[in-house]
Amino acid sequence: LWCLASKDAVYYLIDPKRGSGVLKKLFRACFNGVLVTDFWGVYNSILCLAKQKCLPHLLRDLSRTRHYHNPGGDWPEFHRRLRRLIRDGMRVKKDM
């Protein structure tokens, strides 16, 4: 089940496949909007005005990296700051 949603509409497509071919059925031309997706690679095949990764997915993936053995370098500090920046942005958007 594929689901595309905006603030005003929802479109569902049932297809037995999960590859970029299905997306090409949905996006026959350049999408004139912002495509918000998870990190699945097939979304890279879509031409659009802009792309954004789903912030809850990004936070979940960041959370998983905390468990890496010896991430080292600047990663722990970068991880902390990036997580805070994303959460602050989500709060600002929610308060708008």
Protein backbone atom coordinates (compact mmCIF):
# COMPACT_ATOMS: atom_id res chain seq x y z
CA LEU A 1 0.00 0.00 0.00
CA TRP A 2 1.45 3.31 -1.10
CA CYS A 3 0.13 6.47 0.51
CA LEU A 4 0.77 10.04 -0.60
CA ALA A 5 -0.68 12.74 1.58
CA SER A 6 -0.80 16.48 1.83
CA LYS A 7 -2.59 18.82 4.16
CA ASP A 8 -5.67 18.66 1.92
CA ALA A 9 -5.71 15.25 0.24
CA VAL A 10 -4.66 11.61 0.46
CA TYR A 11 -3.98 9.23 -2.42
CA TYR A 12 -3.62 5.47 -2.01
CA LEU A 13 -2.19 3.03 -4.52
CA ILE A 14 -2.16 -0.73 -4.04
CA ASP A 15 0.65 -2.40 -5.94
CA PRO A 16 2.45 -5.67 -5.26
CA LYS A 17 5.82 -4.03 -5.91
CA ARG A 18 7.86 -1.61 -3.86
CA GLY A 19 10.39 -0.40 -6.40
CA SER A 20 10.97 2.84 -8.25
CA GLY A 21 8.71 1.66 -11.09
CA VAL A 22 5.68 2.21 -8.89
CA LEU A 23 6.86 5.69 -7.99
CA LYS A 24 7.33 6.49 -11.66
CA LYS A 25 3.65 5.63 -12.19
CA LEU A 26 2.77 8.17 -9.50
CA PHE A 27 5.24 10.87 -10.52
CA ARG A 28 5.19 11.01 -14.33
CA ALA A 29 6.69 14.50 -14.42
CA CYS A 30 8.73 16.57 -12.03
CA PHE A 31 6.81 16.97 -8.77
CA ASN A 32 6.37 20.70 -8.14
CA GLY A 33 6.50 20.43 -4.38
CA VAL A 34 8.44 19.13 -1.41
CA LEU A 35 8.65 15.34 -1.23
CA VAL A 36 8.96 14.22 2.40
CA THR A 37 10.15 10.62 2.69
CA ASP A 38 11.96 8.16 4.86
CA PHE A 39 15.46 7.07 3.86
CA TRP A 40 14.48 4.34 1.43
CA GLY A 41 16.61 4.68 -1.69
CA VAL A 42 13.85 4.39 -4.32
CA TYR A 43 12.74 7.94 -3.49
CA ASN A 44 16.04 9.17 -4.95
CA SER A 45 14.67 8.36 -8.42
CA ILE A 46 11.94 11.01 -8.17
CA LEU A 47 12.49 14.45 -9.66
CA CYS A 48 10.92 17.17 -7.56
CA LEU A 49 11.25 20.79 -6.54
CA ALA A 50 12.72 19.83 -3.15
CA LYS A 51 13.16 16.82 -0.87
CA GLN A 52 13.06 16.51 2.87
CA LYS A 53 13.63 13.47 5.02
CA CYS A 54 10.98 12.59 7.56
CA LEU A 55 12.20 14.10 10.82
CA PRO A 56 10.85 11.35 13.11
CA HIS A 57 12.69 8.80 10.92
CA LEU A 58 15.86 10.89 11.16
CA LEU A 59 15.56 11.10 14.95
CA ARG A 60 15.02 7.34 15.18
CA ASP A 61 18.08 6.67 13.05
CA LEU A 62 20.13 9.13 15.10
CA SER A 63 19.01 7.34 18.24
CA ARG A 64 20.30 4.05 16.83
CA THR A 65 23.76 5.52 16.31
CA ARG A 66 24.15 6.12 20.04
CA HIS A 67 24.72 2.40 20.40
CA TYR A 68 27.66 2.24 18.00
CA HIS A 69 30.82 1.01 19.64
CA ASN A 70 33.31 3.88 19.97
CA PRO A 71 31.88 6.35 17.40
CA GLY A 72 34.81 8.63 18.25
CA GLY A 73 35.86 12.03 17.01
CA ASP A 74 33.32 14.82 16.95
CA TRP A 75 30.38 12.48 16.37
CA PRO A 76 28.94 12.44 19.94
CA GLU A 77 28.78 16.25 20.08
CA PHE A 78 27.48 16.54 16.51
CA HIS A 79 24.83 13.90 17.29
CA ARG A 80 23.66 15.81 20.37
CA ARG A 81 23.48 19.16 18.56
CA LEU A 82 21.76 17.77 15.49
CA ARG A 83 19.13 15.98 17.60
CA ARG A 84 18.45 19.17 19.52
CA LEU A 85 18.23 21.26 16.32
CA ILE A 86 15.70 18.85 14.78
CA ARG A 87 13.57 18.73 17.92
CA ASP A 88 13.65 22.53 18.27
CA GLY A 89 12.56 22.88 14.64
CA MET A 90 9.70 20.45 15.17
CA ARG A 91 8.56 22.43 18.24
CA VAL A 92 8.66 25.72 16.34
CA LYS A 93 6.61 24.23 13.50
CA LYS A 94 4.08 22.82 15.99
CA ASP A 95 3.68 26.22 17.67
CA MET A 96 3.01 28.03 14.37
